[in-house]
Amino acid sequence: MKNWKELVCFYLRLSELSEDERLEKYGVTFLEDQLRHLREVYDLCEEYDEEDSDWDATDIDRHCVLVEKLFQFIISLLCERFPDGEAPASPLCYFTAVLGISRRARGFDGAANYTKYVSGLLWISRLFMLEYALPKYRYEHIDLPDRASYEDRGWRMERIRRDHMTDGSYSPFSRMVSLLRHGKKFAMKEGTKLKLRQADNDFRSTGASRMA
């Protein structure tokens, strides 16, 4: 979840830039609906006063709007389609690539370490998509019906899975699954690193595999 929080904060800052500035400095391109949802979240954050501990009904309702709009933005990232199969300027693909840069190493991270970030993004992304496909409650502010409105819940989930969550689906999921698969192969070639730690005057080896 940490990486998703970082992603949202990063793109909230980028929403302040013009399209030309974003493309020149970061190489990121938002779809029209993605940028609209992001700016709605940004405006709500500006209005939202987190320091006010005395909430009234209006504050709670505003908080619900913020949560739902943020969820809508995340789903718009996950459901993006890549007509030609590649989209390096896609916000989610860009951020996934950035996770491969290590400040400590001042370069690219090793495959064994990088795969844990990709697998973490995938894990939380699946939970987001499950909530999107079959939410328990209706999302009033983004017009997303609850699961009871679907006659065949299994088919609803299957359609979402086929369109957005499988390898070869021309989607961010497909890109992340591909990165994870290749990362695991490279990690096996690199091998694992052995670390020693001392606990209670006893040296113990910790090991190794960081692969997801």
N, C-alpha and C. Protein backbone atom coordinates (compact mmCIF):
# COMPACT_ATOMS: atom_id res chain seq x y z
N MET A 1 0.83 -1.21 0.00
CA MET A 1 0.00 0.00 0.00
C MET A 1 0.86 1.26 0.00
N LYS A 2 2.06 1.15 0.56
CA LYS A 2 2.96 2.29 0.64
C LYS A 2 3.24 2.86 -0.75
N ASN A 3 3.51 1.97 -1.72
CA ASN A 3 3.82 2.45 -3.06
C ASN A 3 2.63 3.13 -3.72
N TRP A 4 1.42 2.66 -3.44
CA TRP A 4 0.24 3.31 -3.99
C TRP A 4 0.06 4.70 -3.39
N LYS A 5 0.36 4.85 -2.12
CA LYS A 5 0.29 6.17 -1.49
C LYS A 5 1.31 7.11 -2.13
N GLU A 6 2.51 6.59 -2.36
CA GLU A 6 3.54 7.40 -3.01
C GLU A 6 3.10 7.80 -4.41
N LEU A 7 2.48 6.88 -5.12
CA LEU A 7 2.01 7.17 -6.48
C LEU A 7 1.00 8.30 -6.47
N VAL A 8 0.02 8.23 -5.58
CA VAL A 8 -1.02 9.26 -5.52
C VAL A 8 -0.42 10.61 -5.17
N CYS A 9 0.47 10.65 -4.17
CA CYS A 9 1.10 11.92 -3.79
C CYS A 9 1.93 12.50 -4.93
N PHE A 10 2.65 11.63 -5.62
CA PHE A 10 3.49 12.07 -6.73
C PHE A 10 2.65 12.70 -7.84
N TYR A 11 1.54 12.05 -8.20
CA TYR A 11 0.74 12.57 -9.29
C TYR A 11 -0.13 13.76 -8.87
N LEU A 12 -0.42 13.88 -7.60
CA LEU A 12 -1.09 15.10 -7.14
C LEU A 12 -0.18 16.31 -7.35
N ARG A 13 1.11 16.12 -7.11
CA ARG A 13 2.06 17.22 -7.37
C ARG A 13 2.19 17.49 -8.86
N LEU A 14 2.20 16.43 -9.65
CA LEU A 14 2.33 16.62 -11.10
C LEU A 14 1.10 17.27 -11.71
N SER A 15 -0.04 17.16 -11.05
CA SER A 15 -1.26 17.76 -11.59
C SER A 15 -1.18 19.27 -11.63
N GLU A 16 -0.24 19.85 -10.88
CA GLU A 16 -0.07 21.29 -10.87
C GLU A 16 0.66 21.79 -12.12
N LEU A 17 1.30 20.88 -12.83
CA LEU A 17 2.07 21.25 -14.02
C LEU A 17 1.18 21.22 -15.27
N SER A 18 1.59 21.95 -16.28
CA SER A 18 0.89 21.89 -17.56
C SER A 18 1.25 20.58 -18.26
N GLU A 19 0.48 20.25 -19.26
CA GLU A 19 0.73 18.99 -19.99
C GLU A 19 2.12 18.99 -20.62
N ASP A 20 2.52 20.12 -21.19
CA ASP A 20 3.84 20.21 -21.82
C ASP A 20 4.95 20.04 -20.79
N GLU A 21 4.79 20.65 -19.61
CA GLU A 21 5.80 20.52 -18.56
C GLU A 21 5.90 19.08 -18.06
N ARG A 22 4.77 18.42 -17.88
CA ARG A 22 4.79 17.03 -17.42
C ARG A 22 5.49 16.14 -18.43
N LEU A 23 5.20 16.36 -19.70
CA LEU A 23 5.80 15.52 -20.72
C LEU A 23 7.29 15.78 -20.86
N GLU A 24 7.69 17.04 -20.74
CA GLU A 24 9.10 17.39 -20.90
C GLU A 24 9.94 16.93 -19.71
N LYS A 25 9.43 17.13 -18.50
CA LYS A 25 10.22 16.81 -17.31
C LYS A 25 10.12 15.35 -16.88
N TYR A 26 8.95 14.75 -17.10
CA TYR A 26 8.74 13.40 -16.58
C TYR A 26 8.35 12.37 -17.65
N GLY A 27 7.89 12.82 -18.78
CA GLY A 27 7.49 11.88 -19.82
C GLY A 27 6.19 11.17 -19.51
N VAL A 28 5.32 11.81 -18.73
CA VAL A 28 4.05 11.20 -18.33
C VAL A 28 2.91 11.87 -19.06
N THR A 29 1.98 11.06 -19.56
CA THR A 29 0.81 11.59 -20.24
C THR A 29 -0.45 11.01 -19.61
N PHE A 30 -1.35 11.87 -19.17
CA PHE A 30 -2.63 11.44 -18.62
C PHE A 30 -3.69 11.41 -19.71
N LEU A 31 -4.58 10.42 -19.62
CA LEU A 31 -5.78 10.48 -20.43
C LEU A 31 -6.68 11.58 -19.89
N GLU A 32 -7.62 12.01 -20.71
CA GLU A 32 -8.48 13.12 -20.31
C GLU A 32 -9.25 12.82 -19.04
N ASP A 33 -9.80 11.61 -18.93
CA ASP A 33 -10.58 11.27 -17.73
C ASP A 33 -9.68 11.10 -16.51
N GLN A 34 -8.46 10.58 -16.71
CA GLN A 34 -7.53 10.45 -15.60
C GLN A 34 -7.16 11.81 -15.01
N LEU A 35 -6.87 12.75 -15.88
CA LEU A 35 -6.50 14.08 -15.40
C LEU A 35 -7.68 14.77 -14.73
N ARG A 36 -8.86 14.57 -15.26
CA ARG A 36 -10.05 15.17 -14.65
C ARG A 36 -10.27 14.61 -13.24
N HIS A 37 -10.18 13.30 -13.09
CA HIS A 37 -10.36 12.68 -11.77
C HIS A 37 -9.27 13.13 -10.81
N LEU A 38 -8.05 13.23 -11.30
CA LEU A 38 -6.93 13.64 -10.44
C LEU A 38 -7.11 15.07 -9.95
N ARG A 39 -7.56 15.94 -10.81
CA ARG A 39 -7.76 17.34 -10.41
C ARG A 39 -8.94 17.48 -9.45
N GLU A 40 -9.92 16.62 -9.60
CA GLU A 40 -11.03 16.62 -8.63
C GLU A 40 -10.51 16.23 -7.25
N VAL A 41 -9.65 15.23 -7.19
CA VAL A 41 -9.06 14.82 -5.92
C VAL A 41 -8.20 15.95 -5.35
N TYR A 42 -7.43 16.58 -6.21
CA TYR A 42 -6.56 17.70 -5.78
C TYR A 42 -7.40 18.83 -5.18
N ASP A 43 -8.47 19.20 -5.83
CA ASP A 43 -9.33 20.28 -5.34
C ASP A 43 -9.97 19.92 -4.01
N LEU A 44 -10.38 18.67 -3.87
CA LEU A 44 -10.99 18.23 -2.62
C LEU A 44 -9.97 18.23 -1.49
N CYS A 45 -8.74 17.84 -1.80
CA CYS A 45 -7.68 17.86 -0.78
C CYS A 45 -7.40 19.29 -0.32
N GLU A 46 -7.47 20.22 -1.25
CA GLU A 46 -7.24 21.62 -0.90
C GLU A 46 -8.32 22.13 0.05
N GLU A 47 -9.53 21.67 -0.16
CA GLU A 47 -10.65 22.13 0.66
C GLU A 47 -10.72 21.41 2.00
N TYR A 48 -10.18 20.20 2.00
CA TYR A 48 -10.33 19.35 3.17
C TYR A 48 -9.39 19.78 4.30
N ASP A 49 -9.94 20.03 5.45
CA ASP A 49 -9.14 20.49 6.59
C ASP A 49 -8.94 19.33 7.55
N GLU A 50 -7.77 18.69 7.47
CA GLU A 50 -7.50 17.53 8.31
C GLU A 50 -7.28 17.91 9.78
N GLU A 51 -7.01 19.17 10.03
CA GLU A 51 -6.73 19.58 11.40
C GLU A 51 -8.00 19.83 12.21
N ASP A 52 -9.11 19.83 11.55
CA ASP A 52 -10.37 20.06 12.25
C ASP A 52 -10.87 18.75 12.81
N SER A 53 -10.81 18.59 14.11
CA SER A 53 -11.21 17.34 14.75
C SER A 53 -12.71 17.27 15.01
N ASP A 54 -13.40 18.40 14.96
CA ASP A 54 -14.84 18.43 15.21
C ASP A 54 -15.58 18.30 13.88
N TRP A 55 -15.81 17.07 13.49
CA TRP A 55 -16.48 16.81 12.22
C TRP A 55 -17.98 16.93 12.38
N ASP A 56 -18.59 17.50 11.38
CA ASP A 56 -20.04 17.47 11.33
C ASP A 56 -20.44 16.64 10.12
N ALA A 57 -21.73 16.57 9.84
CA ALA A 57 -22.22 15.73 8.74
C ALA A 57 -21.64 16.17 7.40
N THR A 58 -21.45 17.47 7.23
CA THR A 58 -20.90 17.98 5.97
C THR A 58 -19.47 17.51 5.77
N ASP A 59 -18.67 17.52 6.84
CA ASP A 59 -17.29 17.07 6.76
C ASP A 59 -17.20 15.59 6.40
N ILE A 60 -18.05 14.78 7.02
CA ILE A 60 -18.04 13.34 6.74
C ILE A 60 -18.44 13.07 5.30
N ASP A 61 -19.43 13.79 4.82
CA ASP A 61 -19.85 13.63 3.44
C ASP A 61 -18.74 14.04 2.48
N ARG A 62 -18.04 15.10 2.80
CA ARG A 62 -16.94 15.56 1.96
C ARG A 62 -15.81 14.53 1.95
N HIS A 63 -15.59 13.91 3.10
CA HIS A 63 -14.58 12.85 3.18
C HIS A 63 -14.96 11.67 2.29
N CYS A 64 -16.24 11.31 2.29
CA CYS A 64 -16.71 10.21 1.43
C CYS A 64 -16.52 10.54 -0.04
N VAL A 65 -16.79 11.78 -0.40
CA VAL A 65 -16.58 12.21 -1.78
C VAL A 65 -15.11 12.07 -2.16
N LEU A 66 -14.22 12.51 -1.27
CA LEU A 66 -12.79 12.43 -1.53
C LEU A 66 -12.34 10.98 -1.73
N VAL A 67 -12.79 10.10 -0.86
CA VAL A 67 -12.41 8.68 -0.96
C VAL A 67 -12.90 8.08 -2.27
N GLU A 68 -14.13 8.37 -2.64
CA GLU A 68 -14.68 7.80 -3.86
C GLU A 68 -14.01 8.37 -5.10
N LYS A 69 -13.72 9.64 -5.09
CA LYS A 69 -13.03 10.26 -6.24
C LYS A 69 -11.60 9.73 -6.38
N LEU A 70 -10.95 9.50 -5.25
CA LEU A 70 -9.62 8.91 -5.28
C LEU A 70 -9.67 7.49 -5.84
N PHE A 71 -10.66 6.74 -5.43
CA PHE A 71 -10.84 5.38 -5.95
C PHE A 71 -11.10 5.43 -7.46
N GLN A 72 -11.88 6.38 -7.89
CA GLN A 72 -12.16 6.53 -9.33
C GLN A 72 -10.90 6.82 -10.12
N PHE A 73 -10.03 7.66 -9.57
CA PHE A 73 -8.76 7.95 -10.24
C PHE A 73 -7.90 6.71 -10.35
N ILE A 74 -7.80 5.94 -9.27
CA ILE A 74 -6.99 4.72 -9.28
C ILE A 74 -7.52 3.72 -10.30
N ILE A 75 -8.82 3.56 -10.35
CA ILE A 75 -9.42 2.63 -11.32
C ILE A 75 -9.16 3.10 -12.75
N SER A 76 -9.18 4.41 -12.97
CA SER A 76 -8.90 4.92 -14.32
C SER A 76 -7.46 4.61 -14.74
N LEU A 77 -6.54 4.53 -13.79
CA LEU A 77 -5.17 4.12 -14.10
C LEU A 77 -5.11 2.64 -14.45
N LEU A 78 -5.80 1.83 -13.66
CA LEU A 78 -5.75 0.39 -13.84
C LEU A 78 -6.49 -0.09 -15.08
N CYS A 79 -7.49 0.67 -15.51
CA CYS A 79 -8.30 0.26 -16.65
C CYS A 79 -7.87 0.91 -17.97
N GLU A 80 -6.73 1.58 -17.95
CA GLU A 80 -6.25 2.19 -19.19
C GLU A 80 -5.95 1.11 -20.23
N ARG A 81 -6.25 1.41 -21.48
CA ARG A 81 -6.00 0.47 -22.58
C ARG A 81 -4.87 0.97 -23.45
N PHE A 82 -4.03 0.03 -23.90
CA PHE A 82 -2.90 0.36 -24.77
C PHE A 82 -3.18 -0.22 -26.16
N PRO A 83 -3.69 0.58 -27.10
CA PRO A 83 -4.06 0.06 -28.43
C PRO A 83 -2.93 -0.66 -29.15
N ASP A 84 -1.70 -0.16 -29.00
CA ASP A 84 -0.57 -0.79 -29.70
C ASP A 84 0.25 -1.70 -28.78
N GLY A 85 -0.24 -1.91 -27.57
CA GLY A 85 0.42 -2.81 -26.65
C GLY A 85 1.49 -2.20 -25.78
N GLU A 86 1.93 -1.00 -26.07
CA GLU A 86 2.97 -0.32 -25.29
C GLU A 86 2.51 1.08 -24.92
N ALA A 87 2.85 1.49 -23.70
CA ALA A 87 2.48 2.83 -23.26
C ALA A 87 3.44 3.29 -22.16
N PRO A 88 4.69 3.59 -22.53
CA PRO A 88 5.66 4.00 -21.51
C PRO A 88 5.28 5.29 -20.80
N ALA A 89 4.46 6.13 -21.46
CA ALA A 89 4.04 7.39 -20.83
C ALA A 89 2.82 7.21 -19.94
N SER A 90 2.28 6.00 -19.87
CA SER A 90 1.16 5.73 -18.97
C SER A 90 1.57 6.00 -17.53
N PRO A 91 0.74 6.69 -16.75
CA PRO A 91 1.12 7.03 -15.37
C PRO A 91 1.51 5.82 -14.53
N LEU A 92 0.75 4.74 -14.63
CA LEU A 92 1.04 3.57 -13.82
C LEU A 92 2.31 2.85 -14.30
N CYS A 93 2.48 2.74 -15.60
CA CYS A 93 3.69 2.11 -16.14
C CYS A 93 4.93 2.94 -15.81
N TYR A 94 4.80 4.25 -15.88
CA TYR A 94 5.92 5.13 -15.54
C TYR A 94 6.33 4.94 -14.09
N PHE A 95 5.36 4.94 -13.20
CA PHE A 95 5.68 4.81 -11.78
C PHE A 95 6.27 3.44 -11.47
N THR A 96 5.77 2.40 -12.14
CA THR A 96 6.33 1.06 -11.96
C THR A 96 7.81 1.04 -12.36
N ALA A 97 8.13 1.73 -13.44
CA ALA A 97 9.52 1.79 -13.88
C ALA A 97 10.40 2.56 -12.89
N VAL A 98 9.85 3.65 -12.33
CA VAL A 98 10.61 4.46 -11.37
C VAL A 98 10.97 3.65 -10.13
N LEU A 99 10.13 2.70 -9.75
CA LEU A 99 10.41 1.88 -8.58
C LEU A 99 11.68 1.04 -8.75
N GLY A 100 12.14 0.90 -9.99
CA GLY A 100 13.35 0.14 -10.25
C GLY A 100 14.63 0.94 -10.04
N ILE A 101 14.50 2.21 -9.67
CA ILE A 101 15.67 3.06 -9.42
C ILE A 101 15.97 3.07 -7.92
N SER A 102 17.21 2.78 -7.59
CA SER A 102 17.62 2.71 -6.18
C SER A 102 18.44 3.93 -5.81
N ARG A 103 18.00 4.67 -4.80
CA ARG A 103 18.78 5.81 -4.31
C ARG A 103 20.09 5.35 -3.68
N ARG A 104 20.01 4.25 -2.95
CA ARG A 104 21.20 3.76 -2.26
C ARG A 104 22.28 3.34 -3.26
N ALA A 105 21.85 2.63 -4.30
CA ALA A 105 22.81 2.15 -5.30
C ALA A 105 23.13 3.22 -6.34
N ARG A 106 22.34 4.31 -6.34
CA ARG A 106 22.50 5.38 -7.32
C ARG A 106 22.44 4.82 -8.75
N GLY A 107 21.52 3.93 -8.94
CA GLY A 107 21.33 3.31 -10.25
C GLY A 107 20.11 2.42 -10.21
N PHE A 108 20.07 1.45 -11.10
CA PHE A 108 18.93 0.55 -11.14
C PHE A 108 19.06 -0.52 -10.06
N ASP A 109 17.93 -0.88 -9.49
CA ASP A 109 17.88 -1.91 -8.46
C ASP A 109 18.06 -3.28 -9.08
N GLY A 110 18.49 -4.25 -8.26
CA GLY A 110 18.60 -5.61 -8.74
C GLY A 110 17.24 -6.24 -8.95
N ALA A 111 17.18 -7.23 -9.78
CA ALA A 111 15.90 -7.86 -10.11
C ALA A 111 15.22 -8.46 -8.89
N ALA A 112 16.01 -9.10 -8.02
CA ALA A 112 15.43 -9.75 -6.85
C ALA A 112 14.76 -8.75 -5.92
N ASN A 113 15.32 -7.55 -5.85
CA ASN A 113 14.73 -6.52 -4.99
C ASN A 113 13.57 -5.81 -5.68
N TYR A 114 13.69 -5.63 -6.99
CA TYR A 114 12.67 -4.91 -7.74
C TYR A 114 11.35 -5.67 -7.81
N THR A 115 11.42 -6.99 -7.91
CA THR A 115 10.19 -7.78 -8.06
C THR A 115 9.25 -7.65 -6.87
N LYS A 116 9.80 -7.37 -5.69
CA LYS A 116 8.91 -7.24 -4.53
C LYS A 116 8.03 -6.00 -4.64
N TYR A 117 8.55 -4.96 -5.29
CA TYR A 117 7.74 -3.75 -5.48
C TYR A 117 6.64 -4.01 -6.51
N VAL A 118 7.01 -4.69 -7.59
CA VAL A 118 6.02 -4.98 -8.63
C VAL A 118 4.93 -5.90 -8.10
N SER A 119 5.32 -6.93 -7.37
CA SER A 119 4.32 -7.86 -6.83
C SER A 119 3.42 -7.17 -5.82
N GLY A 120 3.98 -6.22 -5.05
CA GLY A 120 3.16 -5.45 -4.12
C GLY A 120 2.13 -4.60 -4.82
N LEU A 121 2.54 -3.92 -5.90
CA LEU A 121 1.60 -3.14 -6.70
C LEU A 121 0.50 -4.03 -7.27
N LEU A 122 0.89 -5.19 -7.77
CA LEU A 122 -0.09 -6.12 -8.36
C LEU A 122 -1.09 -6.60 -7.31
N TRP A 123 -0.59 -6.92 -6.13
CA TRP A 123 -1.46 -7.44 -5.08
C TRP A 123 -2.55 -6.43 -4.71
N ILE A 124 -2.14 -5.21 -4.44
CA ILE A 124 -3.11 -4.19 -4.08
C ILE A 124 -4.00 -3.83 -5.27
N SER A 125 -3.44 -3.86 -6.47
CA SER A 125 -4.23 -3.57 -7.67
C SER A 125 -5.36 -4.57 -7.84
N ARG A 126 -5.09 -5.83 -7.54
CA ARG A 126 -6.14 -6.85 -7.63
C ARG A 126 -7.26 -6.57 -6.63
N LEU A 127 -6.89 -6.10 -5.45
CA LEU A 127 -7.92 -5.76 -4.45
C LEU A 127 -8.77 -4.58 -4.93
N PHE A 128 -8.12 -3.58 -5.53
CA PHE A 128 -8.86 -2.44 -6.08
C PHE A 128 -9.84 -2.91 -7.15
N MET A 129 -9.37 -3.79 -8.03
CA MET A 129 -10.22 -4.26 -9.13
C MET A 129 -11.36 -5.14 -8.63
N LEU A 130 -11.10 -5.90 -7.58
CA LEU A 130 -12.17 -6.70 -6.98
C LEU A 130 -13.25 -5.79 -6.41
N GLU A 131 -12.83 -4.73 -5.75
CA GLU A 131 -13.79 -3.77 -5.20
C GLU A 131 -14.54 -3.06 -6.32
N TYR A 132 -13.84 -2.76 -7.40
CA TYR A 132 -14.48 -2.12 -8.55
C TYR A 132 -15.50 -3.04 -9.21
N ALA A 133 -15.15 -4.31 -9.32
CA ALA A 133 -16.04 -5.26 -10.00
C ALA A 133 -17.27 -5.57 -9.17
N LEU A 134 -17.08 -5.79 -7.88
CA LEU A 134 -18.20 -6.22 -7.02
C LEU A 134 -18.17 -5.49 -5.67
N PRO A 135 -18.43 -4.19 -5.69
CA PRO A 135 -18.42 -3.45 -4.42
C PRO A 135 -19.59 -3.86 -3.51
N LYS A 136 -19.32 -3.89 -2.22
CA LYS A 136 -20.38 -4.28 -1.28
C LYS A 136 -21.44 -3.19 -1.19
N TYR A 137 -21.00 -1.94 -1.24
CA TYR A 137 -21.92 -0.81 -1.15
C TYR A 137 -21.82 0.05 -2.40
N ARG A 138 -22.85 0.76 -2.68
CA ARG A 138 -22.89 1.65 -3.84
C ARG A 138 -21.99 2.86 -3.60
N TYR A 139 -21.26 3.24 -4.63
CA TYR A 139 -20.47 4.46 -4.59
C TYR A 139 -21.31 5.59 -5.19
N GLU A 140 -21.95 6.31 -4.31
CA GLU A 140 -22.95 7.29 -4.73
C GLU A 140 -22.36 8.40 -5.59
N HIS A 141 -21.16 8.84 -5.27
CA HIS A 141 -20.60 10.04 -5.89
C HIS A 141 -19.91 9.77 -7.22
N ILE A 142 -19.70 8.51 -7.55
CA ILE A 142 -19.11 8.18 -8.85
C ILE A 142 -20.00 7.24 -9.64
N ASP A 143 -21.22 7.02 -9.13
CA ASP A 143 -22.24 6.23 -9.82
C ASP A 143 -21.77 4.81 -10.11
N LEU A 144 -21.22 4.16 -9.09
CA LEU A 144 -20.82 2.76 -9.21
C LEU A 144 -21.77 1.91 -8.38
N PRO A 145 -22.54 1.03 -9.03
CA PRO A 145 -23.54 0.25 -8.30
C PRO A 145 -22.91 -0.82 -7.41
N ASP A 146 -23.66 -1.29 -6.42
CA ASP A 146 -23.14 -2.35 -5.57
C ASP A 146 -23.32 -3.71 -6.25
N ARG A 147 -22.76 -4.73 -5.63
CA ARG A 147 -22.74 -6.06 -6.24
C ARG A 147 -24.14 -6.66 -6.42
N ALA A 148 -25.08 -6.21 -5.59
CA ALA A 148 -26.43 -6.76 -5.69
C ALA A 148 -27.11 -6.40 -7.00
N SER A 149 -26.62 -5.39 -7.69
CA SER A 149 -27.25 -4.96 -8.95
C SER A 149 -26.87 -5.85 -10.12
N TYR A 150 -25.91 -6.75 -9.93
CA TYR A 150 -25.49 -7.64 -11.02
C TYR A 150 -26.15 -9.01 -10.87
N GLU A 151 -26.83 -9.44 -11.90
CA GLU A 151 -27.49 -10.74 -11.86
C GLU A 151 -26.49 -11.88 -11.79
N ASP A 152 -25.41 -11.77 -12.57
CA ASP A 152 -24.38 -12.80 -12.59
C ASP A 152 -23.06 -12.18 -12.13
N ARG A 153 -22.78 -12.31 -10.85
CA ARG A 153 -21.59 -11.68 -10.29
C ARG A 153 -20.31 -12.35 -10.81
N GLY A 154 -20.38 -13.64 -11.04
CA GLY A 154 -19.22 -14.34 -11.57
C GLY A 154 -18.81 -13.83 -12.94
N TRP A 155 -19.82 -13.60 -13.80
CA TRP A 155 -19.51 -13.09 -15.13
C TRP A 155 -19.02 -11.66 -15.08
N ARG A 156 -19.55 -10.87 -14.18
CA ARG A 156 -19.07 -9.49 -14.01
C ARG A 156 -17.58 -9.50 -13.66
N MET A 157 -17.20 -10.36 -12.72
CA MET A 157 -15.79 -10.45 -12.33
C MET A 157 -14.94 -10.99 -13.46
N GLU A 158 -15.46 -11.97 -14.18
CA GLU A 158 -14.71 -12.57 -15.28
C GLU A 158 -14.48 -11.57 -16.40
N ARG A 159 -15.46 -10.75 -16.68
CA ARG A 159 -15.31 -9.75 -17.74
C ARG A 159 -14.25 -8.72 -17.38
N ILE A 160 -14.26 -8.29 -16.12
CA ILE A 160 -13.23 -7.34 -15.66
C ILE A 160 -11.85 -7.99 -15.74
N ARG A 161 -11.76 -9.25 -15.32
CA ARG A 161 -10.48 -9.95 -15.33
C ARG A 161 -9.94 -10.08 -16.76
N ARG A 162 -10.79 -10.48 -17.69
CA ARG A 162 -10.34 -10.66 -19.08
C ARG A 162 -9.91 -9.35 -19.72
N ASP A 163 -10.67 -8.31 -19.46
CA ASP A 163 -10.40 -7.03 -20.12
C ASP A 163 -9.18 -6.31 -19.56
N HIS A 164 -8.92 -6.46 -18.26
CA HIS A 164 -7.92 -5.60 -17.63
C HIS A 164 -6.86 -6.31 -16.79
N MET A 165 -7.01 -7.58 -16.47
CA MET A 165 -6.15 -8.17 -15.45
C MET A 165 -5.32 -9.37 -15.93
N THR A 166 -5.35 -9.68 -17.20
CA THR A 166 -4.61 -10.84 -17.69
C THR A 166 -3.40 -10.42 -18.52
N ASP A 167 -2.44 -11.31 -18.59
CA ASP A 167 -1.28 -11.07 -19.42
C ASP A 167 -1.71 -11.03 -20.88
N GLY A 168 -1.29 -10.01 -21.60
CA GLY A 168 -1.69 -9.86 -22.99
C GLY A 168 -2.97 -9.08 -23.19
N SER A 169 -3.45 -8.42 -22.13
CA SER A 169 -4.71 -7.67 -22.22
C SER A 169 -4.51 -6.21 -22.61
N TYR A 170 -3.27 -5.82 -22.99
CA TYR A 170 -2.99 -4.44 -23.41
C TYR A 170 -3.38 -3.45 -22.31
N SER A 171 -2.92 -3.73 -21.11
CA SER A 171 -3.30 -2.95 -19.94
C SER A 171 -2.10 -2.82 -19.00
N PRO A 172 -2.17 -1.93 -18.00
CA PRO A 172 -1.10 -1.85 -17.01
C PRO A 172 -0.85 -3.18 -16.29
N PHE A 173 -1.93 -3.94 -16.04
CA PHE A 173 -1.76 -5.25 -15.41
C PHE A 173 -0.86 -6.13 -16.26
N SER A 174 -1.12 -6.16 -17.56
CA SER A 174 -0.32 -6.97 -18.46
C SER A 174 1.15 -6.57 -18.39
N ARG A 175 1.39 -5.27 -18.34
CA ARG A 175 2.75 -4.76 -18.26
C ARG A 175 3.43 -5.19 -16.97
N MET A 176 2.72 -5.07 -15.85
CA MET A 176 3.31 -5.43 -14.56
C MET A 176 3.55 -6.93 -14.46
N VAL A 177 2.62 -7.73 -14.97
CA VAL A 177 2.80 -9.19 -14.96
C VAL A 177 4.03 -9.57 -15.78
N SER A 178 4.21 -8.92 -16.92
CA SER A 178 5.36 -9.19 -17.77
C SER A 178 6.67 -8.81 -17.06
N LEU A 179 6.67 -7.65 -16.40
CA LEU A 179 7.86 -7.22 -15.65
C LEU A 179 8.18 -8.19 -14.53
N LEU A 180 7.16 -8.66 -13.84
CA LEU A 180 7.37 -9.58 -12.73
C LEU A 180 7.93 -10.91 -13.23
N ARG A 181 7.40 -11.39 -14.35
CA ARG A 181 7.87 -12.66 -14.91
C ARG A 181 9.34 -12.57 -15.32
N HIS A 182 9.69 -11.51 -16.05
CA HIS A 182 11.08 -11.34 -16.47
C HIS A 182 12.00 -11.07 -15.28
N GLY A 183 11.48 -10.32 -14.29
CA GLY A 183 12.28 -10.03 -13.11
C GLY A 183 12.64 -11.29 -12.34
N LYS A 184 11.71 -12.21 -12.25
CA LYS A 184 11.99 -13.47 -11.55
C LYS A 184 13.06 -14.27 -12.27
N LYS A 185 13.02 -14.26 -13.60
CA LYS A 185 14.04 -14.99 -14.37
C LYS A 185 15.43 -14.41 -14.13
N PHE A 186 15.52 -13.07 -14.15
CA PHE A 186 16.81 -12.42 -13.91
C PHE A 186 17.27 -12.65 -12.48
N ALA A 187 16.32 -12.65 -11.54
CA ALA A 187 16.69 -12.86 -10.15
C ALA A 187 17.27 -14.25 -9.94
N MET A 188 16.73 -15.23 -10.64
CA MET A 188 17.27 -16.58 -10.54
C MET A 188 18.69 -16.64 -11.08
N LYS A 189 18.97 -15.88 -12.13
CA LYS A 189 20.32 -15.85 -12.70
C LYS A 189 21.29 -15.12 -11.78
N GLU A 190 20.81 -14.04 -11.16
CA GLU A 190 21.67 -13.26 -10.28
C GLU A 190 22.00 -14.02 -9.00
N GLY A 191 21.07 -14.89 -8.61
CA GLY A 191 21.25 -15.56 -7.34
C GLY A 191 20.77 -14.69 -6.19
N THR A 192 20.84 -15.21 -5.00
CA THR A 192 20.37 -14.47 -3.83
C THR A 192 21.55 -14.06 -2.97
N LYS A 193 21.33 -13.03 -2.19
CA LYS A 193 22.39 -12.50 -1.33
C LYS A 193 22.18 -12.99 0.10
N LEU A 194 23.28 -13.44 0.69
CA LEU A 194 23.24 -13.93 2.06
C LEU A 194 23.59 -12.79 3.02
N LYS A 195 22.78 -12.59 4.03
CA LYS A 195 23.05 -11.56 5.03
C LYS A 195 23.18 -12.21 6.39
N LEU A 196 24.06 -11.66 7.21
CA LEU A 196 24.25 -12.16 8.57
C LEU A 196 23.77 -11.11 9.55
N ARG A 197 23.09 -11.56 10.56
CA ARG A 197 22.66 -10.66 11.62
C ARG A 197 22.91 -11.34 12.95
N GLN A 198 23.14 -10.55 13.97
CA GLN A 198 23.43 -11.09 15.29
C GLN A 198 22.24 -10.84 16.19
N ALA A 199 21.76 -11.92 16.78
CA ALA A 199 20.64 -11.83 17.70
C ALA A 199 20.94 -12.68 18.92
N ASP A 200 20.91 -12.06 20.08
CA ASP A 200 21.18 -12.79 21.33
C ASP A 200 22.52 -13.51 21.28
N ASN A 201 23.54 -12.77 20.83
CA ASN A 201 24.90 -13.32 20.75
C ASN A 201 25.02 -14.54 19.86
N ASP A 202 24.10 -14.65 18.93
CA ASP A 202 24.13 -15.81 18.03
C ASP A 202 24.00 -15.31 16.60
N PHE A 203 24.98 -15.60 15.77
CA PHE A 203 24.93 -15.19 14.38
C PHE A 203 23.96 -16.08 13.62
N ARG A 204 23.09 -15.45 12.86
CA ARG A 204 22.14 -16.20 12.05
C ARG A 204 22.15 -15.65 10.63
N SER A 205 21.96 -16.53 9.71
CA SER A 205 21.90 -16.10 8.31
C SER A 205 20.46 -15.84 7.93
N THR A 206 20.26 -14.76 7.16
CA THR A 206 18.94 -14.48 6.67
C THR A 206 19.00 -14.50 5.17
N GLY A 207 18.18 -14.98 4.66
CA GLY A 207 18.34 -15.17 3.35
C GLY A 207 17.73 -14.72 2.27
N ALA A 208 17.89 -14.80 1.99
CA ALA A 208 18.05 -14.59 0.70
C ALA A 208 16.98 -14.18 -0.17
N SER A 209 16.10 -14.99 -0.39
CA SER A 209 15.25 -14.68 -1.54
C SER A 209 14.30 -13.56 -1.24
N ARG A 210 14.42 -12.56 -2.05
CA ARG A 210 13.47 -11.44 -1.98
C ARG A 210 12.49 -11.50 -3.12
N MET A 211 12.58 -12.54 -3.87
CA MET A 211 11.67 -12.61 -5.03
C MET A 211 10.25 -12.77 -4.56
N ALA A 212 9.32 -12.12 -5.33
CA ALA A 212 7.93 -12.22 -4.96
C ALA A 212 7.40 -13.57 -5.34
